[in-house]
PDB file of N, CA and C in Angstrom:
ATOM      1  N   MET A   1      58.851   6.070 -13.997  1.00  0.00           N
ATOM      2  CA  MET A   1      58.533   5.341 -15.081  1.00  0.00           C
ATOM      3  C   MET A   1      57.128   5.187 -15.475  1.00  0.00           C
ATOM      4  N   TYR A   2      56.685   4.751 -16.846  1.00  0.00           N
ATOM      5  CA  TYR A   2      55.439   4.513 -17.248  1.00  0.00           C
ATOM      6  C   TYR A   2      55.403   3.223 -17.763  1.00  0.00           C
ATOM      7  N   THR A   3      54.504   2.510 -17.435  1.00  0.00           N
ATOM      8  CA  THR A   3      54.055   0.984 -18.103  1.00  0.00           C
ATOM      9  C   THR A   3      52.518   0.895 -18.043  1.00  0.00           C
ATOM     10  N   SER A   4      52.225  -0.098 -18.710  1.00  0.00           N
ATOM     11  CA  SER A   4      50.897  -0.336 -19.495  1.00  0.00           C
ATOM     12  C   SER A   4      50.496  -1.480 -18.715  1.00  0.00           C
ATOM     13  N   GLY A   5      51.211  -2.272 -17.928  1.00  0.00           N
ATOM     14  CA  GLY A   5      51.115  -3.502 -17.242  1.00  0.00           C
ATOM     15  C   GLY A   5      50.197  -4.628 -18.031  1.00  0.00           C
ATOM     16  N   SER A   6      49.682  -5.038 -17.394  1.00  0.00           N
ATOM     17  CA  SER A   6      48.382  -5.898 -17.991  1.00  0.00           C
ATOM     18  C   SER A   6      47.284  -5.158 -18.469  1.00  0.00           C
ATOM     19  N   THR A   7      47.146  -3.930 -18.113  1.00  0.00           N
ATOM     20  CA  THR A   7      45.837  -3.070 -18.405  1.00  0.00           C
ATOM     21  C   THR A   7      45.619  -2.730 -19.942  1.00  0.00           C
ATOM     22  N   GLY A   8      46.986  -2.509 -20.457  1.00  0.00           N
ATOM     23  CA  GLY A   8      47.273  -1.826 -21.816  1.00  0.00           C
ATOM     24  C   GLY A   8      46.897  -0.265 -21.608  1.00  0.00           C
ATOM     25  N   GLN A   9      46.859   0.092 -20.453  1.00  0.00           N
ATOM     26  CA  GLN A   9      46.298   2.100 -20.135  1.00  0.00           C
ATOM     27  C   GLN A   9      47.872   2.258 -19.456  1.00  0.00           C
ATOM     28  N   PRO A  10      48.465   3.053 -20.297  1.00  0.00           N
ATOM     29  CA  PRO A  10      49.730   3.794 -19.745  1.00  0.00           C
ATOM     30  C   PRO A  10      49.491   4.244 -18.352  1.00  0.00           C
ATOM     31  N   LYS A  11      50.234   3.688 -17.139  1.00  0.00           N
ATOM     32  CA  LYS A  11      50.211   4.685 -15.735  1.00  0.00           C
ATOM     33  C   LYS A  11      51.726   4.814 -15.289  1.00  0.00           C
ATOM     34  N   GLY A  12      51.874   5.996 -14.395  1.00  0.00           N
ATOM     35  CA  GLY A  12      53.033   6.047 -13.763  1.00  0.00           C
ATOM     36  C   GLY A  12      53.150   5.276 -12.777  1.00  0.00           C
ATOM     37  N   VAL A  13      54.377   4.627 -12.361  1.00  0.00           N
ATOM     38  CA  VAL A  13      54.695   3.506 -11.312  1.00  0.00           C
ATOM     39  C   VAL A  13      55.927   4.228 -10.845  1.00  0.00           C
ATOM     40  N   GLN A  14      56.294   4.005  -9.370  1.00  0.00           N
ATOM     41  CA  GLN A  14      57.457   4.247  -8.802  1.00  0.00           C
ATOM     42  C   GLN A  14      58.267   2.959  -8.820  1.00  0.00           C
ATOM     43  N   MET A  15      59.534   3.147  -8.932  1.00  0.00           N
ATOM     44  CA  MET A  15      60.464   1.726  -9.091  1.00  0.00           C
ATOM     45  C   MET A  15      61.870   2.287  -7.806  1.00  0.00           C
ATOM     46  N   GLY A  16      62.083   1.503  -6.720  1.00  0.00           N
ATOM     47  CA  GLY A  16      62.845   1.931  -6.180  1.00  0.00           C
ATOM     48  C   GLY A  16      64.346   1.668  -6.459  1.00  0.00           C
ATOM     49  N   HIS A  17      65.270   2.829  -5.897  1.00  0.00           N
ATOM     50  CA  HIS A  17      66.308   2.309  -6.361  1.00  0.00           C
ATOM     51  C   HIS A  17      67.223   1.235  -6.301  1.00  0.00           C
ATOM     52  N   ARG A  18      67.044   0.248  -4.919  1.00  0.00           N
ATOM     53  CA  ARG A  18      67.398  -0.942  -4.859  1.00  0.00           C
ATOM     54  C   ARG A  18      66.984  -1.911  -5.868  1.00  0.00           C
ATOM     55  N   PRO A  19      65.989  -1.957  -6.323  1.00  0.00           N
ATOM     56  CA  PRO A  19      65.514  -3.184  -7.088  1.00  0.00           C
ATOM     57  C   PRO A  19      66.176  -2.808  -8.636  1.00  0.00           C
ATOM     58  N   LEU A  20      66.151  -1.230  -8.922  1.00  0.00           N
ATOM     59  CA  LEU A  20      66.685  -0.822  -9.936  1.00  0.00           C
ATOM     60  C   LEU A  20      68.268  -1.002 -10.358  1.00  0.00           C
ATOM     61  N   ALA A  21      69.091  -1.037  -9.134  1.00  0.00           N
ATOM     62  CA  ALA A  21      70.480  -0.861  -8.963  1.00  0.00           C
ATOM     63  C   ALA A  21      70.771  -2.748  -8.932  1.00  0.00           C
ATOM     64  N   ASN A  22      69.734  -3.506  -8.545  1.00  0.00           N
ATOM     65  CA  ASN A  22      70.084  -4.832  -8.621  1.00  0.00           C
ATOM     66  C   ASN A  22      69.841  -5.504  -9.947  1.00  0.00           C
ATOM     67  N   LEU A  23      68.828  -4.717 -10.394  1.00  0.00           N
ATOM     68  CA  LEU A  23      68.626  -5.372 -11.946  1.00  0.00           C
ATOM     69  C   LEU A  23      70.082  -4.683 -12.932  1.00  0.00           C
ATOM     70  N   THR A  24      70.277  -3.789 -12.485  1.00  0.00           N
ATOM     71  CA  THR A  24      71.635  -3.147 -13.311  1.00  0.00           C
ATOM     72  C   THR A  24      72.591  -4.159 -13.060  1.00  0.00           C
ATOM     73  N   SER A  25      73.048  -4.262 -11.838  1.00  0.00           N
ATOM     74  CA  SER A  25      74.191  -5.241 -11.471  1.00  0.00           C
ATOM     75  C   SER A  25      74.355  -6.668 -12.093  1.00  0.00           C
ATOM     76  N   TRP A  26      72.877  -7.138 -12.045  1.00  0.00           N
ATOM     77  CA  TRP A  26      72.727  -8.350 -12.246  1.00  0.00           C
ATOM     78  C   TRP A  26      73.219  -8.590 -14.204  1.00  0.00           C
ATOM     79  N   GLN A  27      72.614  -7.438 -14.637  1.00  0.00           N
ATOM     80  CA  GLN A  27      72.370  -7.163 -16.094  1.00  0.00           C
ATOM     81  C   GLN A  27      73.967  -7.031 -16.758  1.00  0.00           C
ATOM     82  N   ILE A  28      74.575  -6.616 -15.767  1.00  0.00           N
ATOM     83  CA  ILE A  28      76.012  -6.128 -16.445  1.00  0.00           C
ATOM     84  C   ILE A  28      76.819  -7.574 -15.887  1.00  0.00           C
ATOM     85  N   ALA A  29      76.759  -8.226 -14.744  1.00  0.00           N
ATOM     86  CA  ALA A  29      77.180  -9.309 -14.632  1.00  0.00           C
ATOM     87  C   ALA A  29      77.126 -10.479 -15.742  1.00  0.00           C
ATOM     88  N   ALA A  30      75.504 -10.575 -15.843  1.00  0.00           N
ATOM     89  CA  ALA A  30      75.190 -11.928 -16.789  1.00  0.00           C
ATOM     90  C   ALA A  30      75.453 -11.495 -18.206  1.00  0.00           C
ATOM     91  N   LEU A  31      75.703 -10.360 -18.643  1.00  0.00           N
ATOM     92  CA  LEU A  31      75.895  -9.945 -20.032  1.00  0.00           C
ATOM     93  C   LEU A  31      77.436  -9.765 -20.174  1.00  0.00           C
ATOM     94  N   ALA A  32      78.233  -9.613 -18.979  1.00  0.00           N
ATOM     95  CA  ALA A  32      79.701  -9.473 -19.508  1.00  0.00           C
ATOM     96  C   ALA A  32      79.912  -8.283 -19.851  1.00  0.00           C
ATOM     97  N   MET A  33      79.143  -7.155 -19.570  1.00  0.00           N
ATOM     98  CA  MET A  33      79.241  -5.556 -20.181  1.00  0.00           C
ATOM     99  C   MET A  33      80.190  -4.933 -19.727  1.00  0.00           C
ATOM    100  N   ASP A  34      80.957  -4.104 -20.377  1.00  0.00           N
ATOM    101  CA  ASP A  34      82.132  -3.496 -19.920  1.00  0.00           C
ATOM    102  C   ASP A  34      82.188  -1.957 -21.141  1.00  0.00           C
ATOM    103  N   ALA A  35      83.321  -1.353 -21.111  1.00  0.00           N
ATOM    104  CA  ALA A  35      83.441  -0.191 -21.578  1.00  0.00           C
ATOM    105  C   ALA A  35      83.364  -0.240 -23.351  1.00  0.00           C
ATOM    106  N   GLU A  36      83.582  -1.647 -23.629  1.00  0.00           N
ATOM    107  CA  GLU A  36      83.421  -1.912 -25.240  1.00  0.00           C
ATOM    108  C   GLU A  36      82.118  -2.433 -25.684  1.00  0.00           C
ATOM    109  N   THR A  37      80.993  -2.376 -24.560  1.00  0.00           N
ATOM    110  CA  THR A  37      79.839  -2.999 -24.884  1.00  0.00           C
ATOM    111  C   THR A  37      78.879  -1.676 -25.959  1.00  0.00           C
ATOM    112  N   ARG A  38      78.668  -2.294 -26.873  1.00  0.00           N
ATOM    113  CA  ARG A  38      77.343  -1.563 -27.552  1.00  0.00           C
ATOM    114  C   ARG A  38      76.011  -2.141 -27.500  1.00  0.00           C
ATOM    115  N   PHE A  39      75.239  -1.375 -27.174  1.00  0.00           N
ATOM    116  CA  PHE A  39      73.789  -1.856 -26.903  1.00  0.00           C
ATOM    117  C   PHE A  39      72.692  -1.064 -27.904  1.00  0.00           C
ATOM    118  N   LEU A  40      71.883  -1.609 -28.220  1.00  0.00           N
ATOM    119  CA  LEU A  40      70.851  -0.709 -29.405  1.00  0.00           C
ATOM    120  C   LEU A  40      69.710  -0.683 -28.394  1.00  0.00           C
ATOM    121  N   GLN A  41      69.578   0.531 -28.013  1.00  0.00           N
ATOM    122  CA  GLN A  41      68.378   1.166 -27.192  1.00  0.00           C
ATOM    123  C   GLN A  41      67.108   0.981 -28.453  1.00  0.00           C
ATOM    124  N   TYR A  42      66.481  -0.064 -28.389  1.00  0.00           N
ATOM    125  CA  TYR A  42      65.292  -0.342 -29.316  1.00  0.00           C
ATOM    126  C   TYR A  42      64.084   0.153 -28.856  1.00  0.00           C
ATOM    127  N   ALA A  43      63.744  -0.138 -27.287  1.00  0.00           N
ATOM    128  CA  ALA A  43      62.493  -0.092 -27.287  1.00  0.00           C
ATOM    129  C   ALA A  43      62.170   1.925 -27.119  1.00  0.00           C
ATOM    130  N   PRO A  44      60.873   2.022 -27.001  1.00  0.00           N
ATOM    131  CA  PRO A  44      61.077   3.479 -26.671  1.00  0.00           C
ATOM    132  C   PRO A  44      61.192   4.026 -25.279  1.00  0.00           C
ATOM    133  N   LEU A  45      61.346   5.085 -25.342  1.00  0.00           N
ATOM    134  CA  LEU A  45      61.727   5.575 -24.040  1.00  0.00           C
ATOM    135  C   LEU A  45      60.415   5.697 -22.818  1.00  0.00           C
ATOM    136  N   GLY A  46      59.586   5.861 -23.641  1.00  0.00           N
ATOM    137  CA  GLY A  46      58.225   5.540 -22.391  1.00  0.00           C
ATOM    138  C   GLY A  46      58.010   4.514 -22.126  1.00  0.00           C
ATOM    139  N   PHE A  47      58.442   3.350 -22.392  1.00  0.00           N
ATOM    140  CA  PHE A  47      58.155   1.839 -21.999  1.00  0.00           C
ATOM    141  C   PHE A  47      59.384   1.199 -21.036  1.00  0.00           C
ATOM    142  N   ASP A  48      58.673   1.186 -19.986  1.00  0.00           N
ATOM    143  CA  ASP A  48      59.896   0.455 -18.820  1.00  0.00           C
ATOM    144  C   ASP A  48      60.896  -0.549 -19.530  1.00  0.00           C
ATOM    145  N   VAL A  49      60.719  -1.347 -20.518  1.00  0.00           N
ATOM    146  CA  VAL A  49      62.052  -2.078 -20.890  1.00  0.00           C
ATOM    147  C   VAL A  49      63.335  -0.840 -21.215  1.00  0.00           C
ATOM    148  N   SER A  50      62.691   0.080 -21.563  1.00  0.00           N
ATOM    149  CA  SER A  50      63.805   1.009 -22.198  1.00  0.00           C
ATOM    150  C   SER A  50      65.303   0.946 -20.790  1.00  0.00           C
ATOM    151  N   PHE A  51      64.733   0.969 -19.905  1.00  0.00           N
ATOM    152  CA  PHE A  51      65.635   0.961 -18.829  1.00  0.00           C
ATOM    153  C   PHE A  51      66.419  -0.292 -18.630  1.00  0.00           C
ATOM    154  N   GLN A  52      66.223  -1.430 -19.323  1.00  0.00           N
ATOM    155  CA  GLN A  52      67.137  -2.437 -19.421  1.00  0.00           C
ATOM    156  C   GLN A  52      68.164  -2.161 -20.500  1.00  0.00           C
ATOM    157  N   GLU A  53      67.776  -1.281 -21.144  1.00  0.00           N
ATOM    158  CA  GLU A  53      68.827  -0.990 -22.381  1.00  0.00           C
ATOM    159  C   GLU A  53      69.650  -0.033 -21.865  1.00  0.00           C
ATOM    160  N   ILE A  54      69.344   0.976 -21.221  1.00  0.00           N
ATOM    161  CA  ILE A  54      70.032   2.351 -21.093  1.00  0.00           C
ATOM    162  C   ILE A  54      70.922   2.273 -20.299  1.00  0.00           C
ATOM    163  N   LEU A  55      70.571   1.720 -18.927  1.00  0.00           N
ATOM    164  CA  LEU A  55      71.153   2.034 -17.533  1.00  0.00           C
ATOM    165  C   LEU A  55      72.023   0.932 -17.279  1.00  0.00           C
ATOM    166  N   PRO A  56      72.130  -0.232 -17.678  1.00  0.00           N
ATOM    167  CA  PRO A  56      73.588  -1.356 -17.601  1.00  0.00           C
ATOM    168  C   PRO A  56      74.535  -0.921 -18.535  1.00  0.00           C
ATOM    169  N   THR A  57      74.138  -0.602 -19.654  1.00  0.00           N
ATOM    170  CA  THR A  57      75.124  -0.016 -20.529  1.00  0.00           C
ATOM    171  C   THR A  57      75.884   1.175 -20.352  1.00  0.00           C
ATOM    172  N   LEU A  58      75.076   2.093 -19.503  1.00  0.00           N
ATOM    173  CA  LEU A  58      76.090   3.487 -19.151  1.00  0.00           C
ATOM    174  C   LEU A  58      76.699   2.984 -17.863  1.00  0.00           C
ATOM    175  N   ALA A  59      76.334   2.262 -17.252  1.00  0.00           N
ATOM    176  CA  ALA A  59      76.802   1.970 -15.643  1.00  0.00           C
ATOM    177  C   ALA A  59      78.126   1.003 -15.813  1.00  0.00           C
ATOM    178  N   ALA A  60      78.026   0.243 -17.064  1.00  0.00           N
ATOM    179  CA  ALA A  60      79.377  -0.327 -17.515  1.00  0.00           C
ATOM    180  C   ALA A  60      80.269   0.345 -18.150  1.00  0.00           C
ATOM    181  N   GLY A  61      79.768   1.601 -18.523  1.00  0.00           N
ATOM    182  CA  GLY A  61      80.743   2.578 -19.318  1.00  0.00           C
ATOM    183  C   GLY A  61      80.452   2.355 -21.019  1.00  0.00           C
ATOM    184  N   GLY A  62      79.638   1.384 -21.049  1.00  0.00           N
ATOM    185  CA  GLY A  62      79.445   1.115 -22.785  1.00  0.00           C
ATOM    186  C   GLY A  62      78.801   2.615 -23.061  1.00  0.00           C
ATOM    187  N   THR A  63      78.399   1.720 -24.387  1.00  0.00           N
ATOM    188  CA  THR A  63      77.673   2.898 -25.280  1.00  0.00           C
ATOM    189  C   THR A  63      76.147   2.630 -26.008  1.00  0.00           C
ATOM    190  N   VAL A  64      75.400   3.335 -25.566  1.00  0.00           N
ATOM    191  CA  VAL A  64      73.824   3.242 -26.022  1.00  0.00           C
ATOM    192  C   VAL A  64      73.611   3.818 -27.281  1.00  0.00           C
ATOM    193  N   VAL A  65      73.219   2.948 -28.407  1.00  0.00           N
ATOM    194  CA  VAL A  65      73.134   3.197 -29.714  1.00  0.00           C
ATOM    195  C   VAL A  65      71.733   3.378 -29.938  1.00  0.00           C
ATOM    196  N   SER A  66      71.120   4.500 -30.296  1.00  0.00           N
ATOM    197  CA  SER A  66      69.752   5.046 -30.612  1.00  0.00           C
ATOM    198  C   SER A  66      69.533   4.535 -32.063  1.00  0.00           C
ATOM    199  N   ARG A  67      68.444   4.151 -32.163  1.00  0.00           N
ATOM    200  CA  ARG A  67      68.159   3.668 -33.263  1.00  0.00           C
ATOM    201  C   ARG A  67      67.185   4.852 -33.758  1.00  0.00           C
ATOM    202  N   GLU A  68      66.927   4.735 -35.087  1.00  0.00           N
ATOM    203  CA  GLU A  68      66.076   5.819 -36.144  1.00  0.00           C
ATOM    204  C   GLU A  68      64.717   5.448 -36.034  1.00  0.00           C
ATOM    205  N   PRO A  69      63.588   6.114 -36.113  1.00  0.00           N
ATOM    206  CA  PRO A  69      62.149   5.183 -35.856  1.00  0.00           C
ATOM    207  C   PRO A  69      62.111   4.396 -37.239  1.00  0.00           C
ATOM    208  N   ALA A  70      62.753   4.791 -38.440  1.00  0.00           N
ATOM    209  CA  ALA A  70      62.381   3.914 -39.545  1.00  0.00           C
ATOM    210  C   ALA A  70      63.238   2.980 -39.544  1.00  0.00           C
ATOM    211  N   ASP A  71      64.265   2.453 -38.431  1.00  0.00           N
ATOM    212  CA  ASP A  71      65.075   1.424 -38.495  1.00  0.00           C
ATOM    213  C   ASP A  71      64.295   0.284 -37.706  1.00  0.00           C
ATOM    214  N   ARG A  72      63.348   0.401 -37.163  1.00  0.00           N
ATOM    215  CA  ARG A  72      62.635   0.023 -36.263  1.00  0.00           C
ATOM    216  C   ARG A  72      62.304  -1.618 -36.929  1.00  0.00           C
ATOM    217  N   ARG A  73      61.818  -1.604 -38.374  1.00  0.00           N
ATOM    218  CA  ARG A  73      61.673  -3.044 -38.774  1.00  0.00           C
ATOM    219  C   ARG A  73      62.640  -3.150 -40.023  1.00  0.00           C
ATOM    220  N   MET A  74      63.842  -2.599 -39.939  1.00  0.00           N
ATOM    221  CA  MET A  74      64.661  -2.559 -41.126  1.00  0.00           C
ATOM    222  C   MET A  74      65.869  -3.311 -40.056  1.00  0.00           C
ATOM    223  N   PHE A  75      66.043  -4.427 -39.828  1.00  0.00           N
ATOM    224  CA  PHE A  75      67.020  -5.181 -38.958  1.00  0.00           C
ATOM    225  C   PHE A  75      68.637  -4.839 -39.862  1.00  0.00           C
ATOM    226  N   THR A  76      68.775  -4.910 -40.865  1.00  0.00           N
ATOM    227  CA  THR A  76      70.031  -4.543 -41.621  1.00  0.00           C
ATOM    228  C   THR A  76      70.426  -3.197 -41.301  1.00  0.00           C
ATOM    229  N   ALA A  77      69.578  -2.198 -41.269  1.00  0.00           N
ATOM    230  CA  ALA A  77      69.968  -0.870 -40.988  1.00  0.00           C
ATOM    231  C   ALA A  77      70.363  -0.618 -39.461  1.00  0.00           C
ATOM    232  N   MET A  78      69.497  -1.308 -38.690  1.00  0.00           N
ATOM    233  CA  MET A  78      69.898  -1.431 -37.177  1.00  0.00           C
ATOM    234  C   MET A  78      71.185  -2.257 -36.877  1.00  0.00           C
ATOM    235  N   LEU A  79      71.553  -3.131 -37.792  1.00  0.00           N
ATOM    236  CA  LEU A  79      72.907  -4.249 -37.419  1.00  0.00           C
ATOM    237  C   LEU A  79      74.007  -2.923 -37.976  1.00  0.00           C
ATOM    238  N   THR A  80      73.525  -2.318 -39.098  1.00  0.00           N
ATOM    239  CA  THR A  80      74.709  -1.197 -39.756  1.00  0.00           C
ATOM    240  C   THR A  80      74.830   0.039 -38.335  1.00  0.00           C
ATOM    241  N   ARG A  81      74.050   0.163 -37.943  1.00  0.00           N
ATOM    242  CA  ARG A  81      74.090   1.311 -36.964  1.00  0.00           C
ATOM    243  C   ARG A  81      74.784   0.738 -35.825  1.00  0.00           C
ATOM    244  N   ILE A  82      74.655  -0.552 -35.069  1.00  0.00           N
ATOM    245  CA  ILE A  82      75.340  -0.908 -34.249  1.00  0.00           C
ATOM    246  C   ILE A  82      76.880  -0.854 -34.381  1.00  0.00           C
ATOM    247  N   ALA A  83      77.213  -1.514 -35.638  1.00  0.00           N
ATOM    248  CA  ALA A  83      78.251  -2.003 -36.081  1.00  0.00           C
ATOM    249  C   ALA A  83      79.399  -0.704 -36.162  1.00  0.00           C
ATOM    250  N   ARG A  84      78.876   0.534 -36.313  1.00  0.00           N
ATOM    251  CA  ARG A  84      79.329   1.858 -36.628  1.00  0.00           C
ATOM    252  C   ARG A  84      80.544   1.958 -35.662  1.00  0.00           C
ATOM    253  N   PRO A  85      81.832   2.275 -36.175  1.00  0.00           N
ATOM    254  CA  PRO A  85      82.893   2.720 -35.322  1.00  0.00           C
ATOM    255  C   PRO A  85      82.337   3.684 -34.406  1.00  0.00           C
ATOM    256  N   ARG A  86      82.470   4.085 -33.145  1.00  0.00           N
ATOM    257  CA  ARG A  86      82.441   5.242 -32.335  1.00  0.00           C
ATOM    258  C   ARG A  86      82.901   6.449 -32.848  1.00  0.00           C
TER     259      ARG A  86
END
């Protein structure tokens, strides 16, 4: 994954399987995620936070809802996208 960390300069970093699996399991439990979960993928894919939006949702059997770039500052458009039937 790539992160800017505290430097502001993107750099590639490795993340082991166990910490990512633990984070995923914790988030599924903490948010009571299941197959009915719909989660907005808001962070850019190149940003490390996107893993927290995508992996737990898919691991729980839920649906990742992608946003359009223009929706980023249009919250009503994002809410409409999330609420759409599957």
